């Protein structure tokens, strides 16, 4: 199991990015959370098998059709032992 923190830059707020991330994460069966940040980015904490975390990471590099991702910062992080995938405020 691995855990990663993704910081998504671009037009990623107000376009359904968090909702779409939750749907994709649940489809893949990974755990974690997603939230908007005050600086206009979206932060994702994802945990799961390396292959599934990589799939969500690949998806986050473009996001839903309404988003325009300009940069994706990826950092390995410690597990939070998350269960399920949630949207945070």
PDB file of N, CA and C in Angstrom:
ATOM      1  N   UNK A   1       0.849  -1.188   0.000  1.00  0.00           N
ATOM      2  CA  UNK A   1       0.000   0.000   0.000  1.00  0.00           C
ATOM      3  C   UNK A   1       0.889   1.244   0.000  1.00  0.00           C
ATOM      4  N   UNK A   2       0.445   2.238  -0.743  1.00  0.00           N
ATOM      5  CA  UNK A   2       1.162   3.507  -0.813  1.00  0.00           C
ATOM      6  C   UNK A   2       0.183   4.646  -0.558  1.00  0.00           C
ATOM      7  N   UNK A   3       0.736   5.802  -0.222  1.00  0.00           N
ATOM      8  CA  UNK A   3      -0.070   7.011  -0.032  1.00  0.00           C
ATOM      9  C   UNK A   3       0.629   8.160  -0.741  1.00  0.00           C
ATOM     10  N   UNK A   4      -0.156   8.984  -1.425  1.00  0.00           N
ATOM     11  CA  UNK A   4       0.389  10.143  -2.123  1.00  0.00           C
ATOM     12  C   UNK A   4      -0.482  11.360  -1.878  1.00  0.00           C
ATOM     13  N   UNK A   5       0.180  12.505  -1.907  1.00  0.00           N
ATOM     14  CA  UNK A   5      -0.513  13.790  -1.852  1.00  0.00           C
ATOM     15  C   UNK A   5      -0.377  14.405  -3.234  1.00  0.00           C
ATOM     16  N   UNK A   6      -1.504  14.768  -3.831  1.00  0.00           N
ATOM     17  CA  UNK A   6      -1.521  15.391  -5.140  1.00  0.00           C
ATOM     18  C   UNK A   6      -2.012  16.819  -4.984  1.00  0.00           C
ATOM     19  N   UNK A   7      -1.310  17.751  -5.599  1.00  0.00           N
ATOM     20  CA  UNK A   7      -1.727  19.144  -5.594  1.00  0.00           C
ATOM     21  C   UNK A   7      -1.958  19.543  -7.045  1.00  0.00           C
ATOM     22  N   UNK A   8      -3.226  19.816  -7.376  1.00  0.00           N
ATOM     23  CA  UNK A   8      -3.631  20.039  -8.753  1.00  0.00           C
ATOM     24  C   UNK A   8      -3.800  21.534  -8.995  1.00  0.00           C
ATOM     25  N   UNK A   9      -3.087  22.048  -9.997  1.00  0.00           N
ATOM     26  CA  UNK A   9      -3.114  23.473 -10.351  1.00  0.00           C
ATOM     27  C   UNK A   9      -3.879  23.673 -11.652  1.00  0.00           C
ATOM     28  N   UNK A  10      -4.408  24.861 -11.837  1.00  0.00           N
ATOM     29  CA  UNK A  10      -5.097  25.210 -13.075  1.00  0.00           C
ATOM     30  C   UNK A  10      -6.516  25.656 -12.772  1.00  0.00           C
ATOM     31  N   UNK A  11      -7.410  25.489 -13.763  1.00  0.00           N
ATOM     32  CA  UNK A  11      -8.831  25.784 -13.538  1.00  0.00           C
ATOM     33  C   UNK A  11      -9.442  24.514 -12.977  1.00  0.00           C
ATOM     34  N   UNK A  12      -9.376  24.388 -11.653  1.00  0.00           N
ATOM     35  CA  UNK A  12      -9.782  23.141 -11.003  1.00  0.00           C
ATOM     36  C   UNK A  12     -10.810  23.351  -9.890  1.00  0.00           C
ATOM     37  N   UNK A  13     -11.182  24.599  -9.634  1.00  0.00           N
ATOM     38  CA  UNK A  13     -12.242  24.870  -8.668  1.00  0.00           C
ATOM     39  C   UNK A  13     -13.449  25.429  -9.410  1.00  0.00           C
ATOM     40  N   UNK A  14     -14.629  25.050  -8.952  1.00  0.00           N
ATOM     41  CA  UNK A  14     -15.851  25.517  -9.588  1.00  0.00           C
ATOM     42  C   UNK A  14     -16.185  24.768 -10.869  1.00  0.00           C
ATOM     43  N   UNK A  15     -15.529  23.635 -11.096  1.00  0.00           N
ATOM     44  CA  UNK A  15     -15.756  22.855 -12.318  1.00  0.00           C
ATOM     45  C   UNK A  15     -16.116  21.393 -12.008  1.00  0.00           C
ATOM     46  N   UNK A  16     -16.449  21.099 -10.757  1.00  0.00           N
ATOM     47  CA  UNK A  16     -16.824  19.744 -10.377  1.00  0.00           C
ATOM     48  C   UNK A  16     -15.655  18.797 -10.153  1.00  0.00           C
ATOM     49  N   UNK A  17     -14.459  19.356  -9.943  1.00  0.00           N
ATOM     50  CA  UNK A  17     -13.267  18.515  -9.790  1.00  0.00           C
ATOM     51  C   UNK A  17     -13.353  17.606  -8.567  1.00  0.00           C
ATOM     52  N   UNK A  18     -13.787  18.156  -7.431  1.00  0.00           N
ATOM     53  CA  UNK A  18     -13.861  17.333  -6.210  1.00  0.00           C
ATOM     54  C   UNK A  18     -14.869  16.198  -6.370  1.00  0.00           C
ATOM     55  N   UNK A  19     -16.035  16.519  -6.893  1.00  0.00           N
ATOM     56  CA  UNK A  19     -17.079  15.518  -7.096  1.00  0.00           C
ATOM     57  C   UNK A  19     -16.587  14.417  -8.034  1.00  0.00           C
ATOM     58  N   UNK A  20     -15.987  14.821  -9.152  1.00  0.00           N
ATOM     59  CA  UNK A  20     -15.484  13.847 -10.124  1.00  0.00           C
ATOM     60  C   UNK A  20     -14.353  13.008  -9.535  1.00  0.00           C
ATOM     61  N   UNK A  21     -13.519  13.607  -8.694  1.00  0.00           N
ATOM     62  CA  UNK A  21     -12.442  12.867  -8.037  1.00  0.00           C
ATOM     63  C   UNK A  21     -13.018  11.785  -7.129  1.00  0.00           C
ATOM     64  N   UNK A  22     -14.051  12.120  -6.375  1.00  0.00           N
ATOM     65  CA  UNK A  22     -14.691  11.132  -5.504  1.00  0.00           C
ATOM     66  C   UNK A  22     -15.258   9.973  -6.319  1.00  0.00           C
ATOM     67  N   UNK A  23     -15.910  10.283  -7.424  1.00  0.00           N
ATOM     68  CA  UNK A  23     -16.456   9.225  -8.273  1.00  0.00           C
ATOM     69  C   UNK A  23     -15.353   8.317  -8.807  1.00  0.00           C
ATOM     70  N   UNK A  24     -14.275   8.918  -9.303  1.00  0.00           N
ATOM     71  CA  UNK A  24     -13.171   8.131  -9.867  1.00  0.00           C
ATOM     72  C   UNK A  24     -12.485   7.302  -8.783  1.00  0.00           C
ATOM     73  N   UNK A  25     -12.270   7.896  -7.611  1.00  0.00           N
ATOM     74  CA  UNK A  25     -11.628   7.173  -6.507  1.00  0.00           C
ATOM     75  C   UNK A  25     -12.478   5.989  -6.061  1.00  0.00           C
ATOM     76  N   UNK A  26     -13.785   6.199  -5.980  1.00  0.00           N
ATOM     77  CA  UNK A  26     -14.679   5.109  -5.579  1.00  0.00           C
ATOM     78  C   UNK A  26     -14.711   4.026  -6.647  1.00  0.00           C
ATOM     79  N   UNK A  27     -14.671   4.417  -7.922  1.00  0.00           N
ATOM     80  CA  UNK A  27     -14.642   3.439  -9.009  1.00  0.00           C
ATOM     81  C   UNK A  27     -13.390   2.568  -8.909  1.00  0.00           C
ATOM     82  N   UNK A  28     -12.256   3.207  -8.579  1.00  0.00           N
ATOM     83  CA  UNK A  28     -10.991   2.486  -8.468  1.00  0.00           C
ATOM     84  C   UNK A  28     -10.869   1.698  -7.161  1.00  0.00           C
ATOM     85  N   UNK A  29     -11.590   2.135  -6.132  1.00  0.00           N
ATOM     86  CA  UNK A  29     -11.507   1.460  -4.833  1.00  0.00           C
ATOM     87  C   UNK A  29     -10.356   1.935  -3.971  1.00  0.00           C
ATOM     88  N   UNK A  30      -9.903   3.184  -4.189  1.00  0.00           N
ATOM     89  CA  UNK A  30      -8.850   3.742  -3.338  1.00  0.00           C
ATOM     90  C   UNK A  30      -9.482   4.536  -2.199  1.00  0.00           C
ATOM     91  N   UNK A  31      -8.700   4.810  -1.175  1.00  0.00           N
ATOM     92  CA  UNK A  31      -9.154   5.555  -0.008  1.00  0.00           C
ATOM     93  C   UNK A  31      -8.501   6.923   0.035  1.00  0.00           C
ATOM     94  N   UNK A  32      -9.097   7.835   0.809  1.00  0.00           N
ATOM     95  CA  UNK A  32      -8.497   9.151   0.993  1.00  0.00           C
ATOM     96  C   UNK A  32      -9.530  10.256   0.988  1.00  0.00           C
ATOM     97  N   UNK A  33      -9.116  11.425   0.521  1.00  0.00           N
ATOM     98  CA  UNK A  33      -9.990  12.593   0.526  1.00  0.00           C
ATOM     99  C   UNK A  33      -9.526  13.617  -0.519  1.00  0.00           C
ATOM    100  N   UNK A  34     -10.393  14.579  -0.799  1.00  0.00           N
ATOM    101  CA  UNK A  34     -10.098  15.666  -1.722  1.00  0.00           C
ATOM    102  C   UNK A  34     -10.674  16.948  -1.130  1.00  0.00           C
ATOM    103  N   UNK A  35      -9.988  18.076  -1.355  1.00  0.00           N
ATOM    104  CA  UNK A  35     -10.504  19.365  -0.867  1.00  0.00           C
ATOM    105  C   UNK A  35      -9.961  20.500  -1.728  1.00  0.00           C
ATOM    106  N   UNK A  36     -10.737  21.597  -1.751  1.00  0.00           N
ATOM    107  CA  UNK A  36     -10.263  22.838  -2.356  1.00  0.00           C
ATOM    108  C   UNK A  36      -9.362  23.548  -1.356  1.00  0.00           C
ATOM    109  N   UNK A  37      -8.340  24.216  -1.882  1.00  0.00           N
ATOM    110  CA  UNK A  37      -7.469  25.024  -1.029  1.00  0.00           C
ATOM    111  C   UNK A  37      -7.691  26.496  -1.346  1.00  0.00           C
ATOM    112  N   UNK A  38      -7.366  27.361  -0.388  1.00  0.00           N
ATOM    113  CA  UNK A  38      -7.586  28.795  -0.559  1.00  0.00           C
ATOM    114  C   UNK A  38      -6.780  29.394  -1.708  1.00  0.00           C
ATOM    115  N   UNK A  39      -5.697  28.748  -2.111  1.00  0.00           N
ATOM    116  CA  UNK A  39      -4.860  29.287  -3.192  1.00  0.00           C
ATOM    117  C   UNK A  39      -5.365  28.913  -4.588  1.00  0.00           C
ATOM    118  N   UNK A  40      -6.538  28.261  -4.670  1.00  0.00           N
ATOM    119  CA  UNK A  40      -7.128  27.914  -5.961  1.00  0.00           C
ATOM    120  C   UNK A  40      -6.774  26.523  -6.460  1.00  0.00           C
ATOM    121  N   UNK A  41      -5.971  25.790  -5.715  1.00  0.00           N
ATOM    122  CA  UNK A  41      -5.618  24.426  -6.103  1.00  0.00           C
ATOM    123  C   UNK A  41      -6.583  23.428  -5.462  1.00  0.00           C
ATOM    124  N   UNK A  42      -6.496  22.199  -5.915  1.00  0.00           N
ATOM    125  CA  UNK A  42      -7.228  21.095  -5.300  1.00  0.00           C
ATOM    126  C   UNK A  42      -6.192  20.131  -4.739  1.00  0.00           C
ATOM    127  N   UNK A  43      -6.389  19.721  -3.490  1.00  0.00           N
ATOM    128  CA  UNK A  43      -5.485  18.783  -2.826  1.00  0.00           C
ATOM    129  C   UNK A  43      -6.168  17.426  -2.708  1.00  0.00           C
ATOM    130  N   UNK A  44      -5.426  16.379  -3.048  1.00  0.00           N
ATOM    131  CA  UNK A  44      -5.945  15.020  -2.969  1.00  0.00           C
ATOM    132  C   UNK A  44      -4.983  14.181  -2.137  1.00  0.00           C
ATOM    133  N   UNK A  45      -5.527  13.467  -1.173  1.00  0.00           N
ATOM    134  CA  UNK A  45      -4.751  12.457  -0.431  1.00  0.00           C
ATOM    135  C   UNK A  45      -5.333  11.119  -0.847  1.00  0.00           C
ATOM    136  N   UNK A  46      -4.482  10.252  -1.411  1.00  0.00           N
ATOM    137  CA  UNK A  46      -4.967   8.972  -1.917  1.00  0.00           C
ATOM    138  C   UNK A  46      -4.106   7.834  -1.374  1.00  0.00           C
ATOM    139  N   UNK A  47      -4.769   6.736  -0.988  1.00  0.00           N
ATOM    140  CA  UNK A  47      -4.103   5.555  -0.453  1.00  0.00           C
ATOM    141  C   UNK A  47      -4.648   4.313  -1.140  1.00  0.00           C
ATOM    142  N   UNK A  48      -3.764   3.373  -1.405  1.00  0.00           N
ATOM    143  CA  UNK A  48      -4.185   2.117  -2.011  1.00  0.00           C
ATOM    144  C   UNK A  48      -2.993   1.386  -2.578  1.00  0.00           C
ATOM    145  N   UNK A  49      -3.266   0.410  -3.436  1.00  0.00           N
ATOM    146  CA  UNK A  49      -2.163  -0.280  -4.085  1.00  0.00           C
ATOM    147  C   UNK A  49      -1.469   0.697  -5.032  1.00  0.00           C
ATOM    148  N   UNK A  50      -0.217   0.447  -5.301  1.00  0.00           N
ATOM    149  CA  UNK A  50       0.544   1.353  -6.152  1.00  0.00           C
ATOM    150  C   UNK A  50      -0.110   1.537  -7.525  1.00  0.00           C
ATOM    151  N   UNK A  51      -0.596   0.451  -8.114  1.00  0.00           N
ATOM    152  CA  UNK A  51      -1.233   0.536  -9.437  1.00  0.00           C
ATOM    153  C   UNK A  51      -2.474   1.424  -9.414  1.00  0.00           C
ATOM    154  N   UNK A  52      -3.319   1.262  -8.399  1.00  0.00           N
ATOM    155  CA  UNK A  52      -4.551   2.046  -8.329  1.00  0.00           C
ATOM    156  C   UNK A  52      -4.276   3.506  -7.989  1.00  0.00           C
ATOM    157  N   UNK A  53      -3.316   3.747  -7.112  1.00  0.00           N
ATOM    158  CA  UNK A  53      -2.935   5.136  -6.798  1.00  0.00           C
ATOM    159  C   UNK A  53      -2.379   5.803  -8.051  1.00  0.00           C
ATOM    160  N   UNK A  54      -1.597   5.078  -8.813  1.00  0.00           N
ATOM    161  CA  UNK A  54      -1.071   5.620 -10.074  1.00  0.00           C
ATOM    162  C   UNK A  54      -2.193   5.921 -11.063  1.00  0.00           C
ATOM    163  N   UNK A  55      -3.225   5.079 -11.097  1.00  0.00           N
ATOM    164  CA  UNK A  55      -4.365   5.335 -11.991  1.00  0.00           C
ATOM    165  C   UNK A  55      -5.081   6.627 -11.613  1.00  0.00           C
ATOM    166  N   UNK A  56      -5.301   6.849 -10.301  1.00  0.00           N
ATOM    167  CA  UNK A  56      -5.957   8.086  -9.881  1.00  0.00           C
ATOM    168  C   UNK A  56      -5.050   9.276 -10.172  1.00  0.00           C
ATOM    169  N   UNK A  57      -3.752   9.101  -9.980  1.00  0.00           N
ATOM    170  CA  UNK A  57      -2.800  10.170 -10.278  1.00  0.00           C
ATOM    171  C   UNK A  57      -2.851  10.536 -11.758  1.00  0.00           C
ATOM    172  N   UNK A  58      -2.871   9.540 -12.621  1.00  0.00           N
ATOM    173  CA  UNK A  58      -2.986   9.794 -14.061  1.00  0.00           C
ATOM    174  C   UNK A  58      -4.278  10.535 -14.378  1.00  0.00           C
ATOM    175  N   UNK A  59      -5.381  10.114 -13.768  1.00  0.00           N
ATOM    176  CA  UNK A  59      -6.664  10.774 -13.991  1.00  0.00           C
ATOM    177  C   UNK A  59      -6.593  12.233 -13.536  1.00  0.00           C
ATOM    178  N   UNK A  60      -5.992  12.475 -12.368  1.00  0.00           N
ATOM    179  CA  UNK A  60      -5.914  13.834 -11.822  1.00  0.00           C
ATOM    180  C   UNK A  60      -5.086  14.770 -12.704  1.00  0.00           C
ATOM    181  N   UNK A  61      -4.225  14.217 -13.546  1.00  0.00           N
ATOM    182  CA  UNK A  61      -3.410  15.066 -14.422  1.00  0.00           C
ATOM    183  C   UNK A  61      -4.245  15.771 -15.486  1.00  0.00           C
ATOM    184  N   UNK A  62      -5.481  15.345 -15.675  1.00  0.00           N
ATOM    185  CA  UNK A  62      -6.387  16.052 -16.591  1.00  0.00           C
ATOM    186  C   UNK A  62      -7.736  16.333 -15.945  1.00  0.00           C
ATOM    187  N   UNK A  63      -8.187  15.501 -15.010  1.00  0.00           N
ATOM    188  CA  UNK A  63      -9.442  15.706 -14.309  1.00  0.00           C
ATOM    189  C   UNK A  63     -10.654  15.562 -15.194  1.00  0.00           C
ATOM    190  N   UNK A  64     -11.801  16.104 -14.752  1.00  0.00           N
ATOM    191  CA  UNK A  64     -13.028  16.010 -15.540  1.00  0.00           C
ATOM    192  C   UNK A  64     -12.940  16.928 -16.767  1.00  0.00           C
ATOM    193  N   UNK A  65     -13.835  16.737 -17.738  1.00  0.00           N
ATOM    194  CA  UNK A  65     -13.772  17.527 -18.973  1.00  0.00           C
ATOM    195  C   UNK A  65     -13.840  19.042 -18.770  1.00  0.00           C
ATOM    196  N   UNK A  66     -14.480  19.494 -17.691  1.00  0.00           N
ATOM    197  CA  UNK A  66     -14.633  20.934 -17.451  1.00  0.00           C
ATOM    198  C   UNK A  66     -13.391  21.577 -16.846  1.00  0.00           C
ATOM    199  N   UNK A  67     -12.436  20.784 -16.405  1.00  0.00           N
ATOM    200  CA  UNK A  67     -11.218  21.307 -15.769  1.00  0.00           C
ATOM    201  C   UNK A  67     -10.127  21.550 -16.804  1.00  0.00           C
ATOM    202  N   UNK A  68      -9.159  22.363 -16.399  1.00  0.00           N
ATOM    203  CA  UNK A  68      -7.953  22.574 -17.209  1.00  0.00           C
ATOM    204  C   UNK A  68      -6.760  22.509 -16.249  1.00  0.00           C
ATOM    205  N   UNK A  69      -6.130  21.353 -16.172  1.00  0.00           N
ATOM    206  CA  UNK A  69      -5.001  21.143 -15.263  1.00  0.00           C
ATOM    207  C   UNK A  69      -3.730  21.637 -15.941  1.00  0.00           C
ATOM    208  N   UNK A  70      -3.010  22.524 -15.237  1.00  0.00           N
ATOM    209  CA  UNK A  70      -1.753  23.054 -15.781  1.00  0.00           C
ATOM    210  C   UNK A  70      -0.531  22.426 -15.131  1.00  0.00           C
ATOM    211  N   UNK A  71      -0.712  21.880 -13.928  1.00  0.00           N
ATOM    212  CA  UNK A  71       0.419  21.260 -13.222  1.00  0.00           C
ATOM    213  C   UNK A  71      -0.111  20.332 -12.142  1.00  0.00           C
ATOM    214  N   UNK A  72       0.611  19.245 -11.920  1.00  0.00           N
ATOM    215  CA  UNK A  72       0.270  18.294 -10.871  1.00  0.00           C
ATOM    216  C   UNK A  72       1.518  18.002 -10.064  1.00  0.00           C
ATOM    217  N   UNK A  73       1.508  18.402  -8.797  1.00  0.00           N
ATOM    218  CA  UNK A  73       2.620  18.110  -7.886  1.00  0.00           C
ATOM    219  C   UNK A  73       2.289  16.833  -7.123  1.00  0.00           C
ATOM    220  N   UNK A  74       3.226  15.896  -7.096  1.00  0.00           N
ATOM    221  CA  UNK A  74       3.011  14.591  -6.468  1.00  0.00           C
ATOM    222  C   UNK A  74       4.053  14.380  -5.379  1.00  0.00           C
ATOM    223  N   UNK A  75       3.590  14.030  -4.182  1.00  0.00           N
ATOM    224  CA  UNK A  75       4.484  13.800  -3.064  1.00  0.00           C
ATOM    225  C   UNK A  75       4.090  12.505  -2.361  1.00  0.00           C
ATOM    226  N   UNK A  76       5.055  11.646  -2.093  1.00  0.00           N
ATOM    227  CA  UNK A  76       4.783  10.471  -1.261  1.00  0.00           C
ATOM    228  C   UNK A  76       4.503  10.972   0.151  1.00  0.00           C
ATOM    229  N   UNK A  77       3.585  10.351   0.833  1.00  0.00           N
ATOM    230  CA  UNK A  77       3.216  10.792   2.170  1.00  0.00           C
ATOM    231  C   UNK A  77       2.882   9.584   3.039  1.00  0.00           C
ATOM    232  N   UNK A  78       2.681   9.822   4.302  1.00  0.00           N
ATOM    233  CA  UNK A  78       2.322   8.745   5.230  1.00  0.00           C
ATOM    234  C   UNK A  78       0.840   8.402   5.093  1.00  0.00           C
ATOM    235  N   UNK A  79       0.540   7.156   5.325  1.00  0.00           N
ATOM    236  CA  UNK A  79      -0.848   6.711   5.312  1.00  0.00           C
ATOM    237  C   UNK A  79      -1.604   7.348   6.471  1.00  0.00           C
ATOM    238  N   UNK A  80      -2.855   7.687   6.227  1.00  0.00           N
ATOM    239  CA  UNK A  80      -3.743   8.166   7.287  1.00  0.00           C
ATOM    240  C   UNK A  80      -4.735   7.068   7.669  1.00  0.00           C
ATOM    241  N   UNK A  81      -4.521   5.863   7.118  1.00  0.00           N
ATOM    242  CA  UNK A  81      -5.424   4.729   7.337  1.00  0.00           C
ATOM    243  C   UNK A  81      -6.875   5.104   7.030  1.00  0.00           C
ATOM    244  N   UNK A  82      -7.035   5.821   5.928  1.00  0.00           N
ATOM    245  CA  UNK A  82      -8.357   6.252   5.498  1.00  0.00           C
ATOM    246  C   UNK A  82      -9.205   5.051   5.104  1.00  0.00           C
ATOM    247  N   UNK A  83     -10.501   5.170   5.322  1.00  0.00           N
ATOM    248  CA  UNK A  83     -11.448   4.184   4.824  1.00  0.00           C
ATOM    249  C   UNK A  83     -12.450   4.931   3.963  1.00  0.00           C
ATOM    250  N   UNK A  84     -12.622   4.492   2.748  1.00  0.00           N
ATOM    251  CA  UNK A  84     -13.494   5.184   1.816  1.00  0.00           C
ATOM    252  C   UNK A  84     -12.806   6.412   1.249  1.00  0.00           C
ATOM    253  N   UNK A  85     -13.559   7.178   0.489  1.00  0.00           N
ATOM    254  CA  UNK A  85     -13.012   8.398  -0.109  1.00  0.00           C
ATOM    255  C   UNK A  85     -14.038   9.497   0.101  1.00  0.00           C
ATOM    256  N   UNK A  86     -13.593  10.640   0.681  1.00  0.00           N
ATOM    257  CA  UNK A  86     -14.507  11.712   1.038  1.00  0.00           C
ATOM    258  C   UNK A  86     -14.079  13.056   0.482  1.00  0.00           C
ATOM    259  N   UNK A  87     -15.038  13.957   0.465  1.00  0.00           N
ATOM    260  CA  UNK A  87     -14.789  15.343   0.075  1.00  0.00           C
ATOM    261  C   UNK A  87     -14.715  16.152   1.364  1.00  0.00           C
ATOM    262  N   UNK A  88     -13.624  16.913   1.509  1.00  0.00           N
ATOM    263  CA  UNK A  88     -13.455  17.744   2.706  1.00  0.00           C
ATOM    264  C   UNK A  88     -13.662  19.206   2.377  1.00  0.00           C
ATOM    265  N   UNK A  89     -14.033  19.953   3.391  1.00  0.00           N
ATOM    266  CA  UNK A  89     -14.227  21.402   3.222  1.00  0.00           C
ATOM    267  C   UNK A  89     -12.897  22.116   3.291  1.00  0.00           C
TER     268      UNK A  89
END
